[in-house]
Amino acid sequence: MEIDAGLFRVVSKRFADNPNFKIIHSDFLKTENLGSFNKVVANLPYYCASEILFSCAEQYNPELMCIMIQKEMAERIVSSPGDESYGAMTVMLSHMYSSKIAFNVPPSSFFPQPDVTSSVVVMERRTADDLSAEERELFGKLVKGAFWGRRKTLMKACSSSPHVSIDKRILLDAVRSLGLNDTVRGEELSPGQFIALARFIISSRVSHDKSEN
């Protein structure tokens, strides 16, 4: 897929005799129902790279993605809990994909030269999770809430976030059920711990509803 008309014409002519090649002249983010595909190889436009990446992962779930993006974004994707670059993007993508930086690409490799260094990232899909729709939704809300108030404790961030609404007592019980300190911050939690929190909270809600009936 290529949005640039000039490049689209050049590539179309170059591979015109290849029956296994098809190029679509369109904006990926405005194109629906591309069918199914299991691999993505792309140089993503840096200004909307995260949006395209999440669209690929959530809508099409390819087994392998090899992408070139800005180095700072690549470092966010592969970072670990506690790292300065660890954030909501890291957690959401790490739940779905195992990622590594294959190599960096200096500005001198392009013409005209950009002001940033690029990185090629290889992302391999993890085995399918067993999350229910409710668990997946709450997992996403918890992650957004936790990093909405970065450097705040998980309790403070989620209680003041517009992304999630959870009873403080239930959230505190969920945090303690994982053996975590009450002052833990979202950037210290792994994707698996966020999932465990979501499951505990949902289970607590169900138990609470049954006790009232």
N, C-alpha and C. Protein backbone atom coordinates (compact mmCIF):
# COMPACT_ATOMS: atom_id res chain seq x y z
N MET A 1 0.84 -1.18 0.00
CA MET A 1 0.00 0.00 0.00
C MET A 1 0.89 1.24 0.00
N GLU A 2 0.53 2.22 -0.83
CA GLU A 2 1.33 3.44 -0.94
C GLU A 2 0.41 4.63 -1.18
N ILE A 3 0.59 5.68 -0.36
CA ILE A 3 -0.25 6.86 -0.47
C ILE A 3 0.32 7.88 -1.45
N ASP A 4 1.64 7.86 -1.66
CA ASP A 4 2.28 8.83 -2.54
C ASP A 4 2.04 8.44 -4.00
N ALA A 5 1.43 9.35 -4.76
CA ALA A 5 1.07 9.05 -6.14
C ALA A 5 2.29 8.77 -7.02
N GLY A 6 3.36 9.55 -6.84
CA GLY A 6 4.55 9.36 -7.64
C GLY A 6 5.19 8.00 -7.40
N LEU A 7 5.37 7.65 -6.14
CA LEU A 7 5.97 6.36 -5.80
C LEU A 7 5.06 5.21 -6.23
N PHE A 8 3.76 5.42 -6.13
CA PHE A 8 2.81 4.39 -6.56
C PHE A 8 3.00 4.08 -8.05
N ARG A 9 3.17 5.11 -8.88
CA ARG A 9 3.35 4.90 -10.31
C ARG A 9 4.67 4.17 -10.61
N VAL A 10 5.72 4.57 -9.91
CA VAL A 10 7.03 3.94 -10.13
C VAL A 10 7.00 2.46 -9.75
N VAL A 11 6.45 2.17 -8.58
CA VAL A 11 6.41 0.78 -8.11
C VAL A 11 5.48 -0.06 -8.98
N SER A 12 4.34 0.52 -9.38
CA SER A 12 3.40 -0.22 -10.24
C SER A 12 4.06 -0.61 -11.55
N LYS A 13 4.83 0.30 -12.13
CA LYS A 13 5.52 0.02 -13.39
C LYS A 13 6.63 -1.01 -13.19
N ARG A 14 7.35 -0.86 -12.07
CA ARG A 14 8.49 -1.75 -11.81
C ARG A 14 8.03 -3.20 -11.66
N PHE A 15 6.87 -3.45 -11.06
CA PHE A 15 6.42 -4.82 -10.80
C PHE A 15 5.19 -5.19 -11.63
N ALA A 16 4.98 -4.50 -12.73
CA ALA A 16 3.79 -4.73 -13.56
C ALA A 16 3.69 -6.17 -14.08
N ASP A 17 4.81 -6.83 -14.31
CA ASP A 17 4.80 -8.18 -14.86
C ASP A 17 4.80 -9.28 -13.80
N ASN A 18 4.73 -8.88 -12.54
CA ASN A 18 4.75 -9.86 -11.45
C ASN A 18 3.32 -10.19 -11.03
N PRO A 19 2.84 -11.41 -11.31
CA PRO A 19 1.45 -11.77 -10.99
C PRO A 19 1.18 -11.89 -9.49
N ASN A 20 2.24 -11.98 -8.70
CA ASN A 20 2.07 -12.13 -7.25
C ASN A 20 2.16 -10.80 -6.50
N PHE A 21 2.21 -9.73 -7.27
CA PHE A 21 2.37 -8.42 -6.64
C PHE A 21 1.14 -7.55 -6.87
N LYS A 22 0.70 -6.91 -5.81
CA LYS A 22 -0.43 -5.98 -5.91
C LYS A 22 -0.17 -4.78 -5.02
N ILE A 23 -0.30 -3.59 -5.56
CA ILE A 23 -0.11 -2.39 -4.77
C ILE A 23 -1.40 -1.58 -4.78
N ILE A 24 -1.77 -1.07 -3.64
CA ILE A 24 -2.99 -0.29 -3.50
C ILE A 24 -2.63 1.16 -3.25
N HIS A 25 -3.17 2.05 -4.06
CA HIS A 25 -2.92 3.48 -3.90
C HIS A 25 -3.96 4.05 -2.94
N SER A 26 -3.58 4.10 -1.66
CA SER A 26 -4.55 4.54 -0.65
C SER A 26 -3.85 4.85 0.66
N ASP A 27 -4.60 5.47 1.56
CA ASP A 27 -4.14 5.73 2.93
C ASP A 27 -4.54 4.54 3.79
N PHE A 28 -3.59 3.87 4.38
CA PHE A 28 -3.89 2.67 5.16
C PHE A 28 -4.92 2.93 6.24
N LEU A 29 -4.81 4.05 6.93
CA LEU A 29 -5.71 4.35 8.03
C LEU A 29 -7.13 4.68 7.57
N LYS A 30 -7.30 4.93 6.29
CA LYS A 30 -8.64 5.23 5.77
C LYS A 30 -9.19 4.10 4.90
N THR A 31 -8.46 2.99 4.87
CA THR A 31 -8.87 1.86 4.05
C THR A 31 -9.40 0.73 4.94
N GLU A 32 -10.58 0.26 4.62
CA GLU A 32 -11.20 -0.80 5.41
C GLU A 32 -11.17 -2.13 4.67
N ASN A 33 -11.24 -3.18 5.45
CA ASN A 33 -11.37 -4.53 4.91
C ASN A 33 -10.30 -4.87 3.86
N LEU A 34 -9.08 -4.91 4.32
CA LEU A 34 -7.98 -5.29 3.44
C LEU A 34 -7.84 -6.80 3.29
N GLY A 35 -8.74 -7.52 3.92
CA GLY A 35 -8.65 -8.97 3.88
C GLY A 35 -7.69 -9.47 4.95
N SER A 36 -7.17 -10.64 4.76
CA SER A 36 -6.25 -11.22 5.74
C SER A 36 -4.84 -11.27 5.18
N PHE A 37 -3.88 -11.06 6.05
CA PHE A 37 -2.47 -11.20 5.68
C PHE A 37 -1.71 -11.56 6.94
N ASN A 38 -0.60 -12.26 6.80
CA ASN A 38 0.11 -12.73 7.99
C ASN A 38 1.47 -12.09 8.19
N LYS A 39 1.87 -11.20 7.27
CA LYS A 39 3.16 -10.52 7.44
C LYS A 39 3.04 -9.06 7.02
N VAL A 40 3.78 -8.20 7.74
CA VAL A 40 3.83 -6.78 7.42
C VAL A 40 5.29 -6.37 7.32
N VAL A 41 5.66 -5.75 6.21
CA VAL A 41 7.00 -5.18 6.04
C VAL A 41 6.77 -3.74 5.61
N ALA A 42 7.19 -2.80 6.43
CA ALA A 42 6.83 -1.42 6.12
C ALA A 42 7.80 -0.40 6.70
N ASN A 43 7.95 0.70 5.98
CA ASN A 43 8.63 1.88 6.48
C ASN A 43 7.50 2.83 6.87
N LEU A 44 7.18 2.90 8.15
CA LEU A 44 6.01 3.64 8.58
C LEU A 44 6.27 5.14 8.64
N PRO A 45 5.32 5.94 8.19
CA PRO A 45 5.47 7.40 8.33
C PRO A 45 5.51 7.75 9.81
N TYR A 46 6.54 8.45 10.22
CA TYR A 46 6.81 8.63 11.64
C TYR A 46 5.72 9.40 12.38
N TYR A 47 5.02 10.29 11.69
CA TYR A 47 4.03 11.12 12.38
C TYR A 47 2.79 10.33 12.79
N CYS A 48 2.55 9.18 12.15
CA CYS A 48 1.37 8.37 12.53
C CYS A 48 1.74 6.90 12.69
N ALA A 49 3.00 6.62 13.00
CA ALA A 49 3.49 5.24 13.09
C ALA A 49 2.76 4.43 14.15
N SER A 50 2.54 5.02 15.32
CA SER A 50 1.89 4.27 16.40
C SER A 50 0.46 3.92 16.03
N GLU A 51 -0.24 4.84 15.37
CA GLU A 51 -1.62 4.59 14.97
C GLU A 51 -1.70 3.45 13.96
N ILE A 52 -0.80 3.45 12.99
CA ILE A 52 -0.77 2.38 11.99
C ILE A 52 -0.40 1.06 12.63
N LEU A 53 0.56 1.08 13.53
CA LEU A 53 1.03 -0.13 14.18
C LEU A 53 -0.09 -0.78 14.99
N PHE A 54 -0.81 0.01 15.78
CA PHE A 54 -1.91 -0.54 16.56
C PHE A 54 -3.03 -1.04 15.66
N SER A 55 -3.28 -0.34 14.57
CA SER A 55 -4.31 -0.78 13.64
C SER A 55 -3.96 -2.13 13.05
N CYS A 56 -2.70 -2.31 12.67
CA CYS A 56 -2.23 -3.60 12.14
C CYS A 56 -2.41 -4.70 13.18
N ALA A 57 -1.92 -4.43 14.38
CA ALA A 57 -1.92 -5.45 15.43
C ALA A 57 -3.33 -5.85 15.86
N GLU A 58 -4.21 -4.86 16.04
CA GLU A 58 -5.53 -5.14 16.59
C GLU A 58 -6.54 -5.60 15.54
N GLN A 59 -6.45 -5.05 14.33
CA GLN A 59 -7.42 -5.40 13.30
C GLN A 59 -7.03 -6.64 12.49
N TYR A 60 -5.72 -6.77 12.22
CA TYR A 60 -5.28 -7.84 11.32
C TYR A 60 -4.44 -8.91 12.02
N ASN A 61 -3.82 -8.56 13.13
CA ASN A 61 -3.08 -9.52 13.95
C ASN A 61 -2.12 -10.39 13.13
N PRO A 62 -1.24 -9.80 12.32
CA PRO A 62 -0.31 -10.61 11.52
C PRO A 62 0.69 -11.35 12.42
N GLU A 63 1.20 -12.46 11.93
CA GLU A 63 2.12 -13.26 12.75
C GLU A 63 3.50 -12.62 12.84
N LEU A 64 3.84 -11.79 11.86
CA LEU A 64 5.16 -11.17 11.85
C LEU A 64 5.07 -9.75 11.28
N MET A 65 5.73 -8.80 11.95
CA MET A 65 5.83 -7.45 11.43
C MET A 65 7.30 -7.01 11.48
N CYS A 66 7.77 -6.51 10.36
CA CYS A 66 9.13 -5.96 10.28
C CYS A 66 8.96 -4.52 9.83
N ILE A 67 9.21 -3.59 10.72
CA ILE A 67 8.89 -2.19 10.44
C ILE A 67 10.09 -1.29 10.70
N MET A 68 10.16 -0.19 9.97
CA MET A 68 11.17 0.82 10.25
C MET A 68 10.46 2.04 10.82
N ILE A 69 10.91 2.47 11.99
CA ILE A 69 10.30 3.59 12.70
C ILE A 69 11.40 4.43 13.33
N GLN A 70 11.01 5.54 13.93
CA GLN A 70 11.99 6.38 14.61
C GLN A 70 12.60 5.63 15.79
N LYS A 71 13.90 5.80 16.00
CA LYS A 71 14.63 5.05 17.03
C LYS A 71 14.01 5.19 18.41
N GLU A 72 13.55 6.39 18.76
CA GLU A 72 12.97 6.60 20.09
C GLU A 72 11.69 5.78 20.27
N MET A 73 10.92 5.66 19.22
CA MET A 73 9.70 4.86 19.31
C MET A 73 10.04 3.38 19.42
N ALA A 74 11.06 2.96 18.68
CA ALA A 74 11.50 1.56 18.74
C ALA A 74 11.93 1.20 20.16
N GLU A 75 12.64 2.11 20.81
CA GLU A 75 13.10 1.86 22.17
C GLU A 75 11.93 1.76 23.14
N ARG A 76 10.86 2.50 22.87
CA ARG A 76 9.66 2.40 23.71
C ARG A 76 9.02 1.03 23.56
N ILE A 77 8.98 0.53 22.35
CA ILE A 77 8.32 -0.76 22.09
C ILE A 77 9.04 -1.90 22.79
N VAL A 78 10.37 -1.88 22.81
CA VAL A 78 11.13 -3.00 23.36
C VAL A 78 11.56 -2.80 24.82
N SER A 79 11.15 -1.71 25.43
CA SER A 79 11.60 -1.43 26.80
C SER A 79 10.96 -2.38 27.82
N SER A 80 11.49 -2.36 29.02
CA SER A 80 11.05 -3.25 30.10
C SER A 80 10.48 -2.43 31.26
N PRO A 81 9.68 -3.08 32.13
CA PRO A 81 9.14 -2.36 33.29
C PRO A 81 10.25 -1.65 34.06
N GLY A 82 10.01 -0.39 34.40
CA GLY A 82 11.00 0.39 35.13
C GLY A 82 11.86 1.26 34.26
N ASP A 83 11.92 0.94 32.95
CA ASP A 83 12.70 1.78 32.03
C ASP A 83 12.01 3.12 31.84
N GLU A 84 12.80 4.14 31.57
CA GLU A 84 12.23 5.47 31.37
C GLU A 84 11.28 5.52 30.18
N SER A 85 11.57 4.72 29.15
CA SER A 85 10.75 4.73 27.94
C SER A 85 9.56 3.77 28.00
N TYR A 86 9.42 3.04 29.09
CA TYR A 86 8.33 2.07 29.25
C TYR A 86 7.01 2.81 29.43
N GLY A 87 6.00 2.45 28.63
CA GLY A 87 4.74 3.16 28.72
C GLY A 87 3.57 2.33 28.24
N ALA A 88 2.44 2.98 28.03
CA ALA A 88 1.22 2.28 27.62
C ALA A 88 1.42 1.53 26.31
N MET A 89 2.12 2.15 25.36
CA MET A 89 2.39 1.48 24.08
C MET A 89 3.15 0.19 24.30
N THR A 90 4.15 0.23 25.16
CA THR A 90 4.95 -0.95 25.46
C THR A 90 4.08 -2.08 25.97
N VAL A 91 3.24 -1.77 26.95
CA VAL A 91 2.42 -2.80 27.59
C VAL A 91 1.44 -3.40 26.60
N MET A 92 0.74 -2.55 25.84
CA MET A 92 -0.28 -3.04 24.92
C MET A 92 0.33 -3.90 23.82
N LEU A 93 1.44 -3.46 23.24
CA LEU A 93 2.06 -4.22 22.17
C LEU A 93 2.79 -5.45 22.69
N SER A 94 3.40 -5.34 23.86
CA SER A 94 4.14 -6.48 24.42
C SER A 94 3.21 -7.63 24.78
N HIS A 95 1.96 -7.30 25.08
CA HIS A 95 0.99 -8.36 25.35
C HIS A 95 0.73 -9.18 24.10
N MET A 96 0.79 -8.54 22.92
CA MET A 96 0.47 -9.22 21.66
C MET A 96 1.71 -9.72 20.91
N TYR A 97 2.85 -9.01 21.07
CA TYR A 97 4.02 -9.32 20.26
C TYR A 97 5.31 -9.32 21.08
N SER A 98 6.22 -10.20 20.65
CA SER A 98 7.59 -10.21 21.18
C SER A 98 8.43 -9.41 20.19
N SER A 99 9.06 -8.34 20.67
CA SER A 99 9.73 -7.41 19.76
C SER A 99 11.22 -7.26 20.06
N LYS A 100 11.99 -6.99 19.01
CA LYS A 100 13.41 -6.72 19.17
C LYS A 100 13.86 -5.74 18.08
N ILE A 101 14.86 -4.92 18.41
CA ILE A 101 15.44 -4.02 17.42
C ILE A 101 16.50 -4.80 16.64
N ALA A 102 16.30 -4.93 15.34
CA ALA A 102 17.24 -5.68 14.50
C ALA A 102 18.51 -4.85 14.23
N PHE A 103 18.31 -3.60 13.87
CA PHE A 103 19.46 -2.71 13.64
C PHE A 103 18.95 -1.27 13.50
N ASN A 104 19.87 -0.34 13.65
CA ASN A 104 19.55 1.08 13.50
C ASN A 104 19.96 1.56 12.11
N VAL A 105 19.30 2.59 11.64
CA VAL A 105 19.58 3.14 10.31
C VAL A 105 19.91 4.63 10.47
N PRO A 106 21.14 5.03 10.16
CA PRO A 106 21.55 6.43 10.35
C PRO A 106 20.88 7.37 9.33
N PRO A 107 20.79 8.65 9.65
CA PRO A 107 20.20 9.63 8.72
C PRO A 107 20.87 9.64 7.36
N SER A 108 22.18 9.33 7.33
CA SER A 108 22.93 9.36 6.08
C SER A 108 22.46 8.32 5.07
N SER A 109 21.61 7.38 5.51
CA SER A 109 21.10 6.34 4.61
C SER A 109 19.94 6.85 3.75
N PHE A 110 19.48 8.08 4.03
CA PHE A 110 18.32 8.62 3.32
C PHE A 110 18.70 9.87 2.54
N PHE A 111 17.90 10.16 1.54
CA PHE A 111 18.02 11.43 0.83
C PHE A 111 16.62 11.96 0.55
N PRO A 112 16.31 13.16 1.02
CA PRO A 112 17.16 14.00 1.88
C PRO A 112 17.29 13.40 3.28
N GLN A 113 18.32 13.78 4.00
CA GLN A 113 18.56 13.21 5.30
C GLN A 113 17.57 13.74 6.34
N PRO A 114 17.00 12.84 7.14
CA PRO A 114 16.13 13.29 8.23
C PRO A 114 16.97 13.75 9.42
N ASP A 115 16.31 14.28 10.42
CA ASP A 115 17.02 14.74 11.62
C ASP A 115 17.11 13.66 12.70
N VAL A 116 16.55 12.48 12.40
CA VAL A 116 16.50 11.43 13.42
C VAL A 116 17.10 10.13 12.91
N THR A 117 17.50 9.29 13.85
CA THR A 117 17.96 7.94 13.52
C THR A 117 16.75 7.02 13.51
N SER A 118 16.76 6.07 12.60
CA SER A 118 15.65 5.12 12.49
C SER A 118 16.09 3.75 13.00
N SER A 119 15.12 2.89 13.25
CA SER A 119 15.40 1.52 13.69
C SER A 119 14.46 0.56 12.98
N VAL A 120 14.98 -0.60 12.66
CA VAL A 120 14.15 -1.68 12.11
C VAL A 120 13.81 -2.61 13.26
N VAL A 121 12.52 -2.79 13.48
CA VAL A 121 12.03 -3.60 14.58
C VAL A 121 11.32 -4.84 14.04
N VAL A 122 11.64 -5.99 14.60
CA VAL A 122 10.99 -7.25 14.22
C VAL A 122 10.05 -7.64 15.35
N MET A 123 8.77 -7.86 15.00
CA MET A 123 7.76 -8.17 15.99
C MET A 123 7.10 -9.51 15.63
N GLU A 124 7.19 -10.46 16.54
CA GLU A 124 6.59 -11.78 16.31
C GLU A 124 5.39 -11.96 17.24
N ARG A 125 4.29 -12.38 16.66
CA ARG A 125 3.06 -12.53 17.42
C ARG A 125 3.18 -13.62 18.47
N ARG A 126 2.71 -13.31 19.65
CA ARG A 126 2.69 -14.30 20.72
C ARG A 126 1.51 -15.24 20.51
N THR A 127 1.49 -16.35 21.22
CA THR A 127 0.36 -17.26 21.12
C THR A 127 -0.91 -16.55 21.57
N ALA A 128 -2.02 -16.95 21.01
CA ALA A 128 -3.30 -16.29 21.30
C ALA A 128 -3.59 -16.31 22.80
N ASP A 129 -4.07 -15.18 23.31
CA ASP A 129 -4.39 -15.12 24.74
C ASP A 129 -5.79 -15.67 24.97
N ASP A 130 -6.10 -15.87 26.23
CA ASP A 130 -7.42 -16.42 26.58
C ASP A 130 -8.27 -15.36 27.29
N LEU A 131 -8.02 -14.11 26.98
CA LEU A 131 -8.78 -13.04 27.61
C LEU A 131 -10.20 -12.98 27.05
N SER A 132 -11.15 -12.76 27.93
CA SER A 132 -12.50 -12.52 27.48
C SER A 132 -12.60 -11.09 26.97
N ALA A 133 -13.69 -10.76 26.30
CA ALA A 133 -13.86 -9.40 25.80
C ALA A 133 -13.87 -8.40 26.96
N GLU A 134 -14.47 -8.77 28.07
CA GLU A 134 -14.53 -7.89 29.23
C GLU A 134 -13.14 -7.69 29.83
N GLU A 135 -12.37 -8.76 29.92
CA GLU A 135 -11.01 -8.67 30.46
C GLU A 135 -10.11 -7.83 29.56
N ARG A 136 -10.25 -8.01 28.26
CA ARG A 136 -9.42 -7.25 27.32
C ARG A 136 -9.74 -5.76 27.39
N GLU A 137 -11.02 -5.45 27.53
CA GLU A 137 -11.42 -4.05 27.61
C GLU A 137 -10.89 -3.39 28.89
N LEU A 138 -11.02 -4.08 30.02
CA LEU A 138 -10.55 -3.51 31.28
C LEU A 138 -9.03 -3.43 31.30
N PHE A 139 -8.36 -4.41 30.73
CA PHE A 139 -6.90 -4.38 30.62
C PHE A 139 -6.45 -3.11 29.93
N GLY A 140 -7.09 -2.79 28.80
CA GLY A 140 -6.74 -1.58 28.06
C GLY A 140 -7.00 -0.32 28.86
N LYS A 141 -8.11 -0.28 29.57
CA LYS A 141 -8.45 0.89 30.36
C LYS A 141 -7.48 1.08 31.53
N LEU A 142 -7.10 -0.04 32.15
CA LEU A 142 -6.14 0.03 33.27
C LEU A 142 -4.80 0.57 32.80
N VAL A 143 -4.35 0.09 31.65
CA VAL A 143 -3.06 0.53 31.12
C VAL A 143 -3.10 2.03 30.80
N LYS A 144 -4.16 2.47 30.14
CA LYS A 144 -4.29 3.89 29.81
C LYS A 144 -4.37 4.73 31.08
N GLY A 145 -5.12 4.23 32.06
CA GLY A 145 -5.26 4.96 33.31
C GLY A 145 -3.94 5.06 34.06
N ALA A 146 -3.20 3.97 34.10
CA ALA A 146 -1.94 3.94 34.85
C ALA A 146 -0.92 4.91 34.30
N PHE A 147 -0.87 5.05 32.96
CA PHE A 147 0.13 5.92 32.35
C PHE A 147 -0.40 7.31 32.05
N TRP A 148 -1.69 7.52 32.29
CA TRP A 148 -2.24 8.87 32.17
C TRP A 148 -1.63 9.75 33.25
N GLY A 149 -1.38 9.19 34.39
CA GLY A 149 -0.75 9.93 35.49
C GLY A 149 0.64 9.40 35.73
N ARG A 150 1.49 9.49 34.73
CA ARG A 150 2.84 8.94 34.83
C ARG A 150 3.58 9.50 36.04
N ARG A 151 4.30 8.61 36.71
CA ARG A 151 5.07 8.89 37.92
C ARG A 151 4.19 9.01 39.16
N LYS A 152 2.88 8.87 38.97
CA LYS A 152 2.00 8.77 40.13
C LYS A 152 1.87 7.30 40.50
N THR A 153 1.42 7.03 41.70
CA THR A 153 1.18 5.64 42.06
C THR A 153 0.01 5.13 41.22
N LEU A 154 -0.06 3.83 41.07
CA LEU A 154 -1.16 3.24 40.30
C LEU A 154 -2.50 3.63 40.91
N MET A 155 -2.58 3.65 42.23
CA MET A 155 -3.82 4.00 42.91
C MET A 155 -4.25 5.42 42.57
N LYS A 156 -3.32 6.37 42.64
CA LYS A 156 -3.65 7.77 42.37
C LYS A 156 -3.96 8.00 40.90
N ALA A 157 -3.17 7.38 40.03
CA ALA A 157 -3.36 7.57 38.59
C ALA A 157 -4.73 7.07 38.14
N CYS A 158 -5.07 5.86 38.56
CA CYS A 158 -6.34 5.27 38.12
C CYS A 158 -7.56 5.93 38.77
N SER A 159 -7.39 6.45 39.95
CA SER A 159 -8.53 7.09 40.62
C SER A 159 -8.84 8.47 40.04
N SER A 160 -7.88 9.07 39.35
CA SER A 160 -8.09 10.41 38.78
C SER A 160 -8.13 10.40 37.25
N SER A 161 -7.96 9.23 36.66
CA SER A 161 -7.90 9.12 35.21
C SER A 161 -9.29 9.15 34.58
N PRO A 162 -9.42 9.77 33.40
CA PRO A 162 -10.69 9.75 32.68
C PRO A 162 -10.91 8.44 31.92
N HIS A 163 -9.89 7.58 31.92
CA HIS A 163 -9.96 6.36 31.13
C HIS A 163 -10.57 5.17 31.86
N VAL A 164 -10.61 5.22 33.19
CA VAL A 164 -11.09 4.06 33.93
C VAL A 164 -11.72 4.49 35.25
N SER A 165 -12.73 3.78 35.67
CA SER A 165 -13.41 4.07 36.94
C SER A 165 -13.50 2.78 37.74
N ILE A 166 -12.74 2.71 38.82
CA ILE A 166 -12.68 1.50 39.64
C ILE A 166 -12.77 1.90 41.11
N ASP A 167 -13.54 1.15 41.87
CA ASP A 167 -13.62 1.38 43.31
C ASP A 167 -12.22 1.25 43.91
N LYS A 168 -11.84 2.23 44.70
CA LYS A 168 -10.48 2.25 45.26
C LYS A 168 -10.17 1.02 46.10
N ARG A 169 -11.16 0.56 46.84
CA ARG A 169 -10.93 -0.60 47.70
C ARG A 169 -10.68 -1.85 46.87
N ILE A 170 -11.43 -2.01 45.79
CA ILE A 170 -11.22 -3.16 44.92
C ILE A 170 -9.85 -3.09 44.25
N LEU A 171 -9.47 -1.89 43.80
CA LEU A 171 -8.17 -1.73 43.17
C LEU A 171 -7.05 -2.01 44.15
N LEU A 172 -7.20 -1.55 45.38
CA LEU A 172 -6.19 -1.80 46.40
C LEU A 172 -6.07 -3.29 46.68
N ASP A 173 -7.20 -3.97 46.78
CA ASP A 173 -7.19 -5.42 47.01
C ASP A 173 -6.51 -6.13 45.84
N ALA A 174 -6.76 -5.65 44.61
CA ALA A 174 -6.16 -6.26 43.43
C ALA A 174 -4.65 -6.10 43.45
N VAL A 175 -4.18 -4.91 43.81
CA VAL A 175 -2.74 -4.65 43.89
C VAL A 175 -2.10 -5.56 44.94
N ARG A 176 -2.72 -5.66 46.08
CA ARG A 176 -2.16 -6.49 47.16
C ARG A 176 -2.23 -7.97 46.84
N SER A 177 -3.22 -8.38 46.04
CA SER A 177 -3.33 -9.79 45.66
C SER A 177 -2.14 -10.25 44.84
N LEU A 178 -1.46 -9.31 44.18
CA LEU A 178 -0.27 -9.64 43.39
C LEU A 178 1.01 -9.52 44.20
N GLY A 179 0.85 -9.21 45.48
CA GLY A 179 2.02 -9.07 46.34
C GLY A 179 2.76 -7.77 46.11
N LEU A 180 2.05 -6.79 45.57
CA LEU A 180 2.67 -5.50 45.26
C LEU A 180 2.44 -4.49 46.38
N ASN A 181 3.33 -3.53 46.46
CA ASN A 181 3.21 -2.46 47.45
C ASN A 181 2.09 -1.50 47.03
N ASP A 182 1.44 -0.90 48.01
CA ASP A 182 0.36 0.05 47.72
C ASP A 182 0.83 1.24 46.90
N THR A 183 2.12 1.54 46.95
CA THR A 183 2.66 2.70 46.25
C THR A 183 3.26 2.36 44.88
N VAL A 184 2.98 1.16 44.38
CA VAL A 184 3.53 0.75 43.09
C VAL A 184 3.02 1.68 41.98
N ARG A 185 3.87 1.93 41.01
CA ARG A 185 3.51 2.77 39.87
C ARG A 185 3.26 1.89 38.65
N GLY A 186 2.46 2.41 37.73
CA GLY A 186 2.12 1.65 36.53
C GLY A 186 3.33 1.24 35.73
N GLU A 187 4.35 2.09 35.68
CA GLU A 187 5.54 1.78 34.88
C GLU A 187 6.39 0.66 35.48
N GLU A 188 6.00 0.17 36.65
CA GLU A 188 6.72 -0.95 37.28
C GLU A 188 6.04 -2.29 37.00
N LEU A 189 4.84 -2.27 36.41
CA LEU A 189 4.08 -3.48 36.19
C LEU A 189 4.31 -4.06 34.80
N SER A 190 4.37 -5.38 34.72
CA SER A 190 4.49 -6.07 33.44
C SER A 190 3.11 -6.21 32.80
N PRO A 191 3.03 -6.52 31.51
CA PRO A 191 1.73 -6.75 30.88
C PRO A 191 0.94 -7.84 31.59
N GLY A 192 1.62 -8.89 32.02
CA GLY A 192 0.94 -9.98 32.73
C GLY A 192 0.32 -9.52 34.04
N GLN A 193 0.98 -8.61 34.74
CA GLN A 193 0.44 -8.10 35.99
C GLN A 193 -0.78 -7.21 35.76
N PHE A 194 -0.78 -6.45 34.67
CA PHE A 194 -1.96 -5.66 34.33
C PHE A 194 -3.15 -6.59 34.04
N ILE A 195 -2.88 -7.69 33.36
CA ILE A 195 -3.95 -8.65 33.06
C ILE A 195 -4.47 -9.27 34.35
N ALA A 196 -3.57 -9.61 35.25
CA ALA A 196 -3.97 -10.19 36.53
C ALA A 196 -4.83 -9.22 37.33
N LEU A 197 -4.49 -7.94 37.28
CA LEU A 197 -5.29 -6.92 37.96
C LEU A 197 -6.70 -6.86 37.37
N ALA A 198 -6.78 -6.88 36.05
CA ALA A 198 -8.08 -6.83 35.38
C ALA A 198 -8.94 -8.02 35.77
N ARG A 199 -8.35 -9.18 35.81
CA ARG A 199 -9.11 -10.39 36.16
C ARG A 199 -9.57 -10.36 37.62
N PHE A 200 -8.72 -9.88 38.50
CA PHE A 200 -9.10 -9.80 39.91
C PHE A 200 -10.25 -8.82 40.09
N ILE A 201 -10.17 -7.68 39.43
CA ILE A 201 -11.21 -6.65 39.55
C ILE A 201 -12.55 -7.16 39.04
N ILE A 202 -12.53 -7.84 37.90
CA ILE A 202 -13.77 -8.38 37.34
C ILE A 202 -14.36 -9.45 38.26
N SER A 203 -13.49 -10.30 38.79
CA SER A 203 -13.95 -11.33 39.72
C SER A 203 -14.55 -10.71 40.98
N SER A 204 -13.94 -9.63 41.46
CA SER A 204 -14.45 -8.96 42.66
C SER A 204 -15.81 -8.32 42.39
N ARG A 205 -15.97 -7.76 41.21
CA ARG A 205 -17.24 -7.15 40.85
C ARG A 205 -18.35 -8.19 40.80
N VAL A 206 -18.03 -9.35 40.23
CA VAL A 206 -19.01 -10.44 40.13
C VAL A 206 -19.42 -10.90 41.52
N SER A 207 -18.42 -11.08 42.40
CA SER A 207 -18.71 -11.52 43.78
C SER A 207 -19.56 -10.49 44.52
N HIS A 208 -19.27 -9.22 44.28
CA HIS A 208 -20.01 -8.14 44.94
C HIS A 208 -21.45 -8.11 44.48
N ASP A 209 -21.65 -8.30 43.17
CA ASP A 209 -23.01 -8.30 42.62
C ASP A 209 -23.81 -9.48 43.15
N LYS A 210 -23.18 -10.65 43.29
CA LYS A 210 -23.89 -11.82 43.79
C LYS A 210 -24.29 -11.64 45.25
N SER A 211 -23.42 -10.99 46.02
CA SER A 211 -23.71 -10.80 47.45
C SER A 211 -24.87 -9.85 47.69
N GLU A 212 -25.13 -8.98 46.68
CA GLU A 212 -26.22 -8.03 46.84
C GLU A 212 -27.54 -8.60 46.35
N ASN A 213 -27.50 -9.71 45.67
CA ASN A 213 -28.74 -10.32 45.14
C ASN A 213 -29.29 -11.39 46.10
